[in-house]
mmCIF file of all heavy atoms, coordinates in Angstrom:
data_MODEL
# 
_entry.id   MODEL 
# 
loop_
_atom_site.group_PDB 
_atom_site.id 
_atom_site.type_symbol 
_atom_site.label_atom_id 
_atom_site.label_alt_id 
_atom_site.label_comp_id 
_atom_site.label_asym_id 
_atom_site.label_entity_id 
_atom_site.label_seq_id 
_atom_site.pdbx_PDB_ins_code 
_atom_site.Cartn_x 
_atom_site.Cartn_y 
_atom_site.Cartn_z 
_atom_site.occupancy 
_atom_site.B_iso_or_equiv 
_atom_site.pdbx_formal_charge 
_atom_site.auth_seq_id 
_atom_site.auth_comp_id 
_atom_site.auth_asym_id 
_atom_site.auth_atom_id 
_atom_site.pdbx_PDB_model_num 
ATOM 1   N N   . SER A 1 1  ? -8.830  1.573  13.321  1.00 0.00 ? 1  SER A N   1 
ATOM 2   C CA  . SER A 1 1  ? -9.791  1.368  14.380  1.00 0.00 ? 1  SER A CA  1 
ATOM 3   C C   . SER A 1 1  ? -10.634 0.125  14.183  1.00 0.00 ? 1  SER A C   1 
ATOM 4   O O   . SER A 1 1  ? -11.251 -0.382 15.139  1.00 0.00 ? 1  SER A O   1 
ATOM 5   C CB  . SER A 1 1  ? -10.735 2.593  14.453  1.00 0.00 ? 1  SER A CB  1 
ATOM 6   O OG  . SER A 1 1  ? -11.636 2.605  13.392  1.00 0.00 ? 1  SER A OG  1 
ATOM 7   N N   . GLY A 1 2  ? -10.681 -0.393 12.951  1.00 0.00 ? 2  GLY A N   1 
ATOM 8   C CA  . GLY A 1 2  ? -11.483 -1.554 12.656  1.00 0.00 ? 2  GLY A CA  1 
ATOM 9   C C   . GLY A 1 2  ? -12.886 -1.223 12.219  1.00 0.00 ? 2  GLY A C   1 
ATOM 10  O O   . GLY A 1 2  ? -13.678 -2.160 11.897  1.00 0.00 ? 2  GLY A O   1 
ATOM 11  N N   . GLU A 1 3  ? -13.224 0.050  12.155  1.00 0.00 ? 3  GLU A N   1 
ATOM 12  C CA  . GLU A 1 3  ? -14.542 0.451  11.667  1.00 0.00 ? 3  GLU A CA  1 
ATOM 13  C C   . GLU A 1 3  ? -14.359 1.675  10.776  1.00 0.00 ? 3  GLU A C   1 
ATOM 14  O O   . GLU A 1 3  ? -14.157 2.782  11.246  1.00 0.00 ? 3  GLU A O   1 
ATOM 15  C CB  . GLU A 1 3  ? -15.480 0.778  12.799  1.00 0.00 ? 3  GLU A CB  1 
ATOM 16  C CG  . GLU A 1 3  ? -16.905 1.054  12.332  1.00 0.00 ? 3  GLU A CG  1 
ATOM 17  C CD  . GLU A 1 3  ? -17.893 1.171  13.475  1.00 0.00 ? 3  GLU A CD  1 
ATOM 18  O OE1 . GLU A 1 3  ? -18.013 2.281  14.049  1.00 0.00 ? 3  GLU A OE1 1 
ATOM 19  O OE2 . GLU A 1 3  ? -18.541 0.162  13.811  1.00 0.00 ? 3  GLU A OE2 1 
ATOM 20  N N   . PHE A 1 4  ? -14.428 1.444  9.487   1.00 0.00 ? 4  PHE A N   1 
ATOM 21  C CA  . PHE A 1 4  ? -14.169 2.489  8.509   1.00 0.00 ? 4  PHE A CA  1 
ATOM 22  C C   . PHE A 1 4  ? -15.492 3.148  8.125   1.00 0.00 ? 4  PHE A C   1 
ATOM 23  O O   . PHE A 1 4  ? -16.335 2.543  7.464   1.00 0.00 ? 4  PHE A O   1 
ATOM 24  C CB  . PHE A 1 4  ? -13.478 1.921  7.264   1.00 0.00 ? 4  PHE A CB  1 
ATOM 25  C CG  . PHE A 1 4  ? -13.060 2.947  6.250   1.00 0.00 ? 4  PHE A CG  1 
ATOM 26  C CD1 . PHE A 1 4  ? -11.864 3.628  6.405   1.00 0.00 ? 4  PHE A CD1 1 
ATOM 27  C CD2 . PHE A 1 4  ? -13.857 3.245  5.152   1.00 0.00 ? 4  PHE A CD2 1 
ATOM 28  C CE1 . PHE A 1 4  ? -11.457 4.587  5.484   1.00 0.00 ? 4  PHE A CE1 1 
ATOM 29  C CE2 . PHE A 1 4  ? -13.456 4.207  4.212   1.00 0.00 ? 4  PHE A CE2 1 
ATOM 30  C CZ  . PHE A 1 4  ? -12.259 4.856  4.396   1.00 0.00 ? 4  PHE A CZ  1 
ATOM 31  N N   . VAL A 1 5  ? -15.712 4.362  8.557   1.00 0.00 ? 5  VAL A N   1 
ATOM 32  C CA  . VAL A 1 5  ? -16.955 5.103  8.352   1.00 0.00 ? 5  VAL A CA  1 
ATOM 33  C C   . VAL A 1 5  ? -16.738 6.050  7.187   1.00 0.00 ? 5  VAL A C   1 
ATOM 34  O O   . VAL A 1 5  ? -15.828 6.906  7.210   1.00 0.00 ? 5  VAL A O   1 
ATOM 35  C CB  . VAL A 1 5  ? -17.370 5.869  9.604   1.00 0.00 ? 5  VAL A CB  1 
ATOM 36  C CG1 . VAL A 1 5  ? -18.663 6.626  9.368   1.00 0.00 ? 5  VAL A CG1 1 
ATOM 37  C CG2 . VAL A 1 5  ? -17.498 4.934  10.793  1.00 0.00 ? 5  VAL A CG2 1 
ATOM 38  N N   . PHE A 1 6  ? -17.624 5.974  6.153   1.00 0.00 ? 6  PHE A N   1 
ATOM 39  C CA  . PHE A 1 6  ? -17.434 6.821  4.984   1.00 0.00 ? 6  PHE A CA  1 
ATOM 40  C C   . PHE A 1 6  ? -18.734 6.917  4.201   1.00 0.00 ? 6  PHE A C   1 
ATOM 41  O O   . PHE A 1 6  ? -19.513 5.959  4.155   1.00 0.00 ? 6  PHE A O   1 
ATOM 42  C CB  . PHE A 1 6  ? -16.316 6.262  4.088   1.00 0.00 ? 6  PHE A CB  1 
ATOM 43  C CG  . PHE A 1 6  ? -15.616 7.314  3.266   1.00 0.00 ? 6  PHE A CG  1 
ATOM 44  C CD1 . PHE A 1 6  ? -14.898 8.341  3.863   1.00 0.00 ? 6  PHE A CD1 1 
ATOM 45  C CD2 . PHE A 1 6  ? -15.707 7.287  1.886   1.00 0.00 ? 6  PHE A CD2 1 
ATOM 46  C CE1 . PHE A 1 6  ? -14.278 9.304  3.114   1.00 0.00 ? 6  PHE A CE1 1 
ATOM 47  C CE2 . PHE A 1 6  ? -15.088 8.240  1.118   1.00 0.00 ? 6  PHE A CE2 1 
ATOM 48  C CZ  . PHE A 1 6  ? -14.352 9.251  1.732   1.00 0.00 ? 6  PHE A CZ  1 
ATOM 49  N N   . PRO A 1 7  ? -18.959 8.065  3.525   1.00 0.00 ? 7  PRO A N   1 
ATOM 50  C CA  . PRO A 1 7  ? -20.245 8.274  2.814   1.00 0.00 ? 7  PRO A CA  1 
ATOM 51  C C   . PRO A 1 7  ? -20.211 7.813  1.350   1.00 0.00 ? 7  PRO A C   1 
ATOM 52  O O   . PRO A 1 7  ? -20.623 8.549  0.450   1.00 0.00 ? 7  PRO A O   1 
ATOM 53  C CB  . PRO A 1 7  ? -20.418 9.819  2.907   1.00 0.00 ? 7  PRO A CB  1 
ATOM 54  C CG  . PRO A 1 7  ? -19.027 10.344 2.825   1.00 0.00 ? 7  PRO A CG  1 
ATOM 55  C CD  . PRO A 1 7  ? -18.167 9.325  3.566   1.00 0.00 ? 7  PRO A CD  1 
ATOM 56  N N   . ALA A 1 8  ? -19.736 6.598  1.142   1.00 0.00 ? 8  ALA A N   1 
ATOM 57  C CA  . ALA A 1 8  ? -19.568 6.113  -0.267  1.00 0.00 ? 8  ALA A CA  1 
ATOM 58  C C   . ALA A 1 8  ? -20.613 5.087  -0.657  1.00 0.00 ? 8  ALA A C   1 
ATOM 59  O O   . ALA A 1 8  ? -20.595 4.650  -1.816  1.00 0.00 ? 8  ALA A O   1 
ATOM 60  C CB  . ALA A 1 8  ? -18.174 5.517  -0.436  1.00 0.00 ? 8  ALA A CB  1 
ATOM 61  N N   . GLY A 1 9  ? -21.495 4.695  0.248   1.00 0.00 ? 9  GLY A N   1 
ATOM 62  C CA  . GLY A 1 9  ? -22.480 3.682  -0.098  1.00 0.00 ? 9  GLY A CA  1 
ATOM 63  C C   . GLY A 1 9  ? -21.810 2.450  -0.674  1.00 0.00 ? 9  GLY A C   1 
ATOM 64  O O   . GLY A 1 9  ? -20.822 1.970  -0.158  1.00 0.00 ? 9  GLY A O   1 
ATOM 65  N N   . GLU A 1 10 ? -22.344 1.933  -1.791  1.00 0.00 ? 10 GLU A N   1 
ATOM 66  C CA  . GLU A 1 10 ? -21.782 0.788  -2.463  1.00 0.00 ? 10 GLU A CA  1 
ATOM 67  C C   . GLU A 1 10 ? -21.289 1.155  -3.860  1.00 0.00 ? 10 GLU A C   1 
ATOM 68  O O   . GLU A 1 10 ? -21.247 0.319  -4.776  1.00 0.00 ? 10 GLU A O   1 
ATOM 69  C CB  . GLU A 1 10 ? -22.812 -0.361 -2.522  1.00 0.00 ? 10 GLU A CB  1 
ATOM 70  C CG  . GLU A 1 10 ? -23.364 -0.773 -1.179  1.00 0.00 ? 10 GLU A CG  1 
ATOM 71  C CD  . GLU A 1 10 ? -22.287 -1.249 -0.213  1.00 0.00 ? 10 GLU A CD  1 
ATOM 72  O OE1 . GLU A 1 10 ? -21.251 -1.787 -0.656  1.00 0.00 ? 10 GLU A OE1 1 
ATOM 73  O OE2 . GLU A 1 10 ? -22.481 -1.061 1.024   1.00 0.00 ? 10 GLU A OE2 1 
ATOM 74  N N   . VAL A 1 11 ? -20.934 2.420  -4.017  1.00 0.00 ? 11 VAL A N   1 
ATOM 75  C CA  . VAL A 1 11 ? -20.453 2.926  -5.307  1.00 0.00 ? 11 VAL A CA  1 
ATOM 76  C C   . VAL A 1 11 ? -19.083 2.299  -5.607  1.00 0.00 ? 11 VAL A C   1 
ATOM 77  O O   . VAL A 1 11 ? -18.226 2.201  -4.744  1.00 0.00 ? 11 VAL A O   1 
ATOM 78  C CB  . VAL A 1 11 ? -20.336 4.470  -5.266  1.00 0.00 ? 11 VAL A CB  1 
ATOM 79  C CG1 . VAL A 1 11 ? -19.584 4.994  -6.518  1.00 0.00 ? 11 VAL A CG1 1 
ATOM 80  C CG2 . VAL A 1 11 ? -21.708 5.092  -5.189  1.00 0.00 ? 11 VAL A CG2 1 
ATOM 81  N N   . LYS A 1 12 ? -18.895 1.905  -6.857  1.00 0.00 ? 12 LYS A N   1 
ATOM 82  C CA  . LYS A 1 12 ? -17.605 1.355  -7.294  1.00 0.00 ? 12 LYS A CA  1 
ATOM 83  C C   . LYS A 1 12 ? -16.674 2.482  -7.723  1.00 0.00 ? 12 LYS A C   1 
ATOM 84  O O   . LYS A 1 12 ? -17.077 3.451  -8.344  1.00 0.00 ? 12 LYS A O   1 
ATOM 85  C CB  . LYS A 1 12 ? -17.790 0.352  -8.435  1.00 0.00 ? 12 LYS A CB  1 
ATOM 86  C CG  . LYS A 1 12 ? -18.406 -0.974 -7.965  1.00 0.00 ? 12 LYS A CG  1 
ATOM 87  C CD  . LYS A 1 12 ? -18.389 -1.986 -9.057  1.00 0.00 ? 12 LYS A CD  1 
ATOM 88  C CE  . LYS A 1 12 ? -18.840 -3.369 -8.548  1.00 0.00 ? 12 LYS A CE  1 
ATOM 89  N NZ  . LYS A 1 12 ? -17.858 -3.980 -7.651  1.00 0.00 ? 12 LYS A NZ  1 
ATOM 90  N N   . VAL A 1 13 ? -15.395 2.338  -7.345  1.00 0.00 ? 13 VAL A N   1 
ATOM 91  C CA  . VAL A 1 13 ? -14.403 3.357  -7.557  1.00 0.00 ? 13 VAL A CA  1 
ATOM 92  C C   . VAL A 1 13 ? -13.151 2.721  -8.218  1.00 0.00 ? 13 VAL A C   1 
ATOM 93  O O   . VAL A 1 13 ? -12.705 1.653  -7.761  1.00 0.00 ? 13 VAL A O   1 
ATOM 94  C CB  . VAL A 1 13 ? -13.997 4.029  -6.226  1.00 0.00 ? 13 VAL A CB  1 
ATOM 95  C CG1 . VAL A 1 13 ? -12.817 4.976  -6.395  1.00 0.00 ? 13 VAL A CG1 1 
ATOM 96  C CG2 . VAL A 1 13 ? -15.182 4.723  -5.614  1.00 0.00 ? 13 VAL A CG2 1 
ATOM 97  N N   . PRO A 1 14 ? -12.538 3.368  -9.218  1.00 0.00 ? 14 PRO A N   1 
ATOM 98  C CA  . PRO A 1 14 ? -11.300 2.833  -9.823  1.00 0.00 ? 14 PRO A CA  1 
ATOM 99  C C   . PRO A 1 14 ? -10.068 3.353  -9.105  1.00 0.00 ? 14 PRO A C   1 
ATOM 100 O O   . PRO A 1 14 ? -9.311  4.159  -9.616  1.00 0.00 ? 14 PRO A O   1 
ATOM 101 C CB  . PRO A 1 14 ? -11.375 3.350  -11.264 1.00 0.00 ? 14 PRO A CB  1 
ATOM 102 C CG  . PRO A 1 14 ? -12.092 4.652  -11.139 1.00 0.00 ? 14 PRO A CG  1 
ATOM 103 C CD  . PRO A 1 14 ? -13.077 4.496  -9.997  1.00 0.00 ? 14 PRO A CD  1 
ATOM 104 N N   . PHE A 1 15 ? -9.878  2.901  -7.855  1.00 0.00 ? 15 PHE A N   1 
ATOM 105 C CA  . PHE A 1 15 ? -8.750  3.349  -7.042  1.00 0.00 ? 15 PHE A CA  1 
ATOM 106 C C   . PHE A 1 15 ? -7.439  3.212  -7.826  1.00 0.00 ? 15 PHE A C   1 
ATOM 107 O O   . PHE A 1 15 ? -7.249  2.276  -8.574  1.00 0.00 ? 15 PHE A O   1 
ATOM 108 C CB  . PHE A 1 15 ? -8.630  2.519  -5.782  1.00 0.00 ? 15 PHE A CB  1 
ATOM 109 C CG  . PHE A 1 15 ? -9.797  2.652  -4.818  1.00 0.00 ? 15 PHE A CG  1 
ATOM 110 C CD1 . PHE A 1 15 ? -10.809 1.709  -4.784  1.00 0.00 ? 15 PHE A CD1 1 
ATOM 111 C CD2 . PHE A 1 15 ? -9.854  3.712  -3.950  1.00 0.00 ? 15 PHE A CD2 1 
ATOM 112 C CE1 . PHE A 1 15 ? -11.881 1.827  -3.899  1.00 0.00 ? 15 PHE A CE1 1 
ATOM 113 C CE2 . PHE A 1 15 ? -10.904 3.843  -3.057  1.00 0.00 ? 15 PHE A CE2 1 
ATOM 114 C CZ  . PHE A 1 15 ? -11.925 2.900  -3.027  1.00 0.00 ? 15 PHE A CZ  1 
ATOM 115 N N   . ILE A 1 16 ? -6.519  4.182  -7.593  1.00 0.00 ? 16 ILE A N   1 
ATOM 116 C CA  . ILE A 1 16 ? -5.239  4.160  -8.279  1.00 0.00 ? 16 ILE A CA  1 
ATOM 117 C C   . ILE A 1 16 ? -4.098  4.393  -7.281  1.00 0.00 ? 16 ILE A C   1 
ATOM 118 O O   . ILE A 1 16 ? -4.277  5.096  -6.268  1.00 0.00 ? 16 ILE A O   1 
ATOM 119 C CB  . ILE A 1 16 ? -5.180  5.216  -9.406  1.00 0.00 ? 16 ILE A CB  1 
ATOM 120 C CG1 . ILE A 1 16 ? -3.894  5.069  -10.232 1.00 0.00 ? 16 ILE A CG1 1 
ATOM 121 C CG2 . ILE A 1 16 ? -5.311  6.645  -8.851  1.00 0.00 ? 16 ILE A CG2 1 
ATOM 122 C CD1 . ILE A 1 16 ? -3.921  5.862  -11.523 1.00 0.00 ? 16 ILE A CD1 1 
ATOM 123 N N   . ASP A 1 17 ? -2.967  3.799  -7.546  1.00 0.00 ? 17 ASP A N   1 
ATOM 124 C CA  . ASP A 1 17 ? -1.780  3.919  -6.707  1.00 0.00 ? 17 ASP A CA  1 
ATOM 125 C C   . ASP A 1 17 ? -1.086  5.283  -7.016  1.00 0.00 ? 17 ASP A C   1 
ATOM 126 O O   . ASP A 1 17 ? -0.964  5.637  -8.183  1.00 0.00 ? 17 ASP A O   1 
ATOM 127 C CB  . ASP A 1 17 ? -0.805  2.790  -7.000  1.00 0.00 ? 17 ASP A CB  1 
ATOM 128 C CG  . ASP A 1 17 ? 0.246   2.604  -5.918  1.00 0.00 ? 17 ASP A CG  1 
ATOM 129 O OD1 . ASP A 1 17 ? 1.001   3.561  -5.673  1.00 0.00 ? 17 ASP A OD1 1 
ATOM 130 O OD2 . ASP A 1 17 ? 0.324   1.492  -5.373  1.00 0.00 ? 17 ASP A OD2 1 
ATOM 131 N N   . THR A 1 18 ? -0.714  5.996  -5.994  1.00 0.00 ? 18 THR A N   1 
ATOM 132 C CA  . THR A 1 18 ? -0.023  7.300  -6.225  1.00 0.00 ? 18 THR A CA  1 
ATOM 133 C C   . THR A 1 18 ? 1.307   7.128  -6.970  1.00 0.00 ? 18 THR A C   1 
ATOM 134 O O   . THR A 1 18 ? 1.760   8.043  -7.619  1.00 0.00 ? 18 THR A O   1 
ATOM 135 C CB  . THR A 1 18 ? 0.253   8.031  -4.884  1.00 0.00 ? 18 THR A CB  1 
ATOM 136 O OG1 . THR A 1 18 ? 1.033   7.199  -4.017  1.00 0.00 ? 18 THR A OG1 1 
ATOM 137 C CG2 . THR A 1 18 ? -1.037  8.434  -4.206  1.00 0.00 ? 18 THR A CG2 1 
ATOM 138 N N   . ARG A 1 19 ? 1.885   5.928  -6.913  1.00 0.00 ? 19 ARG A N   1 
ATOM 139 C CA  . ARG A 1 19 ? 3.105   5.693  -7.677  1.00 0.00 ? 19 ARG A CA  1 
ATOM 140 C C   . ARG A 1 19 ? 2.857   5.671  -9.164  1.00 0.00 ? 19 ARG A C   1 
ATOM 141 O O   . ARG A 1 19 ? 3.669   6.119  -9.976  1.00 0.00 ? 19 ARG A O   1 
ATOM 142 C CB  . ARG A 1 19 ? 3.773   4.401  -7.216  1.00 0.00 ? 19 ARG A CB  1 
ATOM 143 C CG  . ARG A 1 19 ? 4.331   4.488  -5.772  1.00 0.00 ? 19 ARG A CG  1 
ATOM 144 C CD  . ARG A 1 19 ? 4.725   3.114  -5.237  1.00 0.00 ? 19 ARG A CD  1 
ATOM 145 N NE  . ARG A 1 19 ? 3.565   2.237  -5.070  1.00 0.00 ? 19 ARG A NE  1 
ATOM 146 C CZ  . ARG A 1 19 ? 3.640   1.039  -4.508  1.00 0.00 ? 19 ARG A CZ  1 
ATOM 147 N NH1 . ARG A 1 19 ? 4.799   0.568  -4.098  1.00 0.00 ? 19 ARG A NH1 1 
ATOM 148 N NH2 . ARG A 1 19 ? 2.543   0.308  -4.370  1.00 0.00 ? 19 ARG A NH2 1 
ATOM 149 N N   . ASP A 1 20 ? 1.677   5.170  -9.553  1.00 0.00 ? 20 ASP A N   1 
ATOM 150 C CA  . ASP A 1 20 ? 1.297   5.225  -10.967 1.00 0.00 ? 20 ASP A CA  1 
ATOM 151 C C   . ASP A 1 20 ? 1.007   6.642  -11.403 1.00 0.00 ? 20 ASP A C   1 
ATOM 152 O O   . ASP A 1 20 ? 1.404   7.070  -12.477 1.00 0.00 ? 20 ASP A O   1 
ATOM 153 C CB  . ASP A 1 20 ? 0.056   4.336  -11.213 1.00 0.00 ? 20 ASP A CB  1 
ATOM 154 C CG  . ASP A 1 20 ? 0.352   2.875  -11.087 1.00 0.00 ? 20 ASP A CG  1 
ATOM 155 O OD1 . ASP A 1 20 ? 1.491   2.463  -11.334 1.00 0.00 ? 20 ASP A OD1 1 
ATOM 156 O OD2 . ASP A 1 20 ? -0.559  2.096  -10.729 1.00 0.00 ? 20 ASP A OD2 1 
ATOM 157 N N   . LEU A 1 21 ? 0.299   7.404  -10.531 1.00 0.00 ? 21 LEU A N   1 
ATOM 158 C CA  . LEU A 1 21 ? 0.083   8.809  -10.796 1.00 0.00 ? 21 LEU A CA  1 
ATOM 159 C C   . LEU A 1 21 ? 1.425   9.533  -11.013 1.00 0.00 ? 21 LEU A C   1 
ATOM 160 O O   . LEU A 1 21 ? 1.589   10.274 -11.988 1.00 0.00 ? 21 LEU A O   1 
ATOM 161 C CB  . LEU A 1 21 ? -0.661  9.469  -9.650  1.00 0.00 ? 21 LEU A CB  1 
ATOM 162 C CG  . LEU A 1 21 ? -0.602  10.978 -9.577  1.00 0.00 ? 21 LEU A CG  1 
ATOM 163 C CD1 . LEU A 1 21 ? -1.466  11.601 -10.674 1.00 0.00 ? 21 LEU A CD1 1 
ATOM 164 C CD2 . LEU A 1 21 ? -1.021  11.509 -8.227  1.00 0.00 ? 21 LEU A CD2 1 
ATOM 165 N N   . ALA A 1 22 ? 2.370   9.287  -10.131 1.00 0.00 ? 22 ALA A N   1 
ATOM 166 C CA  . ALA A 1 22 ? 3.669   9.963  -10.208 1.00 0.00 ? 22 ALA A CA  1 
ATOM 167 C C   . ALA A 1 22 ? 4.381   9.658  -11.509 1.00 0.00 ? 22 ALA A C   1 
ATOM 168 O O   . ALA A 1 22 ? 4.952   10.542 -12.157 1.00 0.00 ? 22 ALA A O   1 
ATOM 169 C CB  . ALA A 1 22 ? 4.528   9.583  -9.013  1.00 0.00 ? 22 ALA A CB  1 
ATOM 170 N N   . ASP A 1 23 ? 4.344   8.406  -11.941 1.00 0.00 ? 23 ASP A N   1 
ATOM 171 C CA  . ASP A 1 23 ? 4.997   8.022  -13.171 1.00 0.00 ? 23 ASP A CA  1 
ATOM 172 C C   . ASP A 1 23 ? 4.354   8.690  -14.396 1.00 0.00 ? 23 ASP A C   1 
ATOM 173 O O   . ASP A 1 23 ? 5.018   9.075  -15.327 1.00 0.00 ? 23 ASP A O   1 
ATOM 174 C CB  . ASP A 1 23 ? 4.974   6.511  -13.342 1.00 0.00 ? 23 ASP A CB  1 
ATOM 175 C CG  . ASP A 1 23 ? 5.944   5.808  -12.389 1.00 0.00 ? 23 ASP A CG  1 
ATOM 176 O OD1 . ASP A 1 23 ? 6.778   6.491  -11.778 1.00 0.00 ? 23 ASP A OD1 1 
ATOM 177 O OD2 . ASP A 1 23 ? 5.813   4.573  -12.226 1.00 0.00 ? 23 ASP A OD2 1 
ATOM 178 N N   . VAL A 1 24 ? 3.021   8.825  -14.351 1.00 0.00 ? 24 VAL A N   1 
ATOM 179 C CA  . VAL A 1 24 ? 2.310   9.506  -15.433 1.00 0.00 ? 24 VAL A CA  1 
ATOM 180 C C   . VAL A 1 24 ? 2.687   11.005 -15.424 1.00 0.00 ? 24 VAL A C   1 
ATOM 181 O O   . VAL A 1 24 ? 2.924   11.600 -16.493 1.00 0.00 ? 24 VAL A O   1 
ATOM 182 C CB  . VAL A 1 24 ? 0.786   9.337  -15.290 1.00 0.00 ? 24 VAL A CB  1 
ATOM 183 C CG1 . VAL A 1 24 ? 0.034   10.266 -16.249 1.00 0.00 ? 24 VAL A CG1 1 
ATOM 184 C CG2 . VAL A 1 24 ? 0.394   7.871  -15.574 1.00 0.00 ? 24 VAL A CG2 1 
ATOM 185 N N   . VAL A 1 25 ? 2.755   11.619 -14.250 1.00 0.00 ? 25 VAL A N   1 
ATOM 186 C CA  . VAL A 1 25 ? 3.121   13.027 -14.165 1.00 0.00 ? 25 VAL A CA  1 
ATOM 187 C C   . VAL A 1 25 ? 4.508   13.238 -14.755 1.00 0.00 ? 25 VAL A C   1 
ATOM 188 O O   . VAL A 1 25 ? 4.736   14.178 -15.559 1.00 0.00 ? 25 VAL A O   1 
ATOM 189 C CB  . VAL A 1 25 ? 3.089   13.492 -12.698 1.00 0.00 ? 25 VAL A CB  1 
ATOM 190 C CG1 . VAL A 1 25 ? 3.805   14.845 -12.545 1.00 0.00 ? 25 VAL A CG1 1 
ATOM 191 C CG2 . VAL A 1 25 ? 1.659   13.610 -12.209 1.00 0.00 ? 25 VAL A CG2 1 
ATOM 192 N N   . VAL A 1 26 ? 5.465   12.400 -14.409 1.00 0.00 ? 26 VAL A N   1 
ATOM 193 C CA  . VAL A 1 26 ? 6.821   12.540 -14.935 1.00 0.00 ? 26 VAL A CA  1 
ATOM 194 C C   . VAL A 1 26 ? 6.858   12.342 -16.438 1.00 0.00 ? 26 VAL A C   1 
ATOM 195 O O   . VAL A 1 26 ? 7.586   13.070 -17.157 1.00 0.00 ? 26 VAL A O   1 
ATOM 196 C CB  . VAL A 1 26 ? 7.785   11.588 -14.177 1.00 0.00 ? 26 VAL A CB  1 
ATOM 197 C CG1 . VAL A 1 26 ? 9.148   11.578 -14.874 1.00 0.00 ? 26 VAL A CG1 1 
ATOM 198 C CG2 . VAL A 1 26 ? 7.927   12.016 -12.741 1.00 0.00 ? 26 VAL A CG2 1 
# 
């Protein structure tokens, strides 16, 4: 939509790729 509304303020997050998660799980 071009307007991402979310209650995260300016908190920093260590986003991770689900492909990395999957490789760790395996």
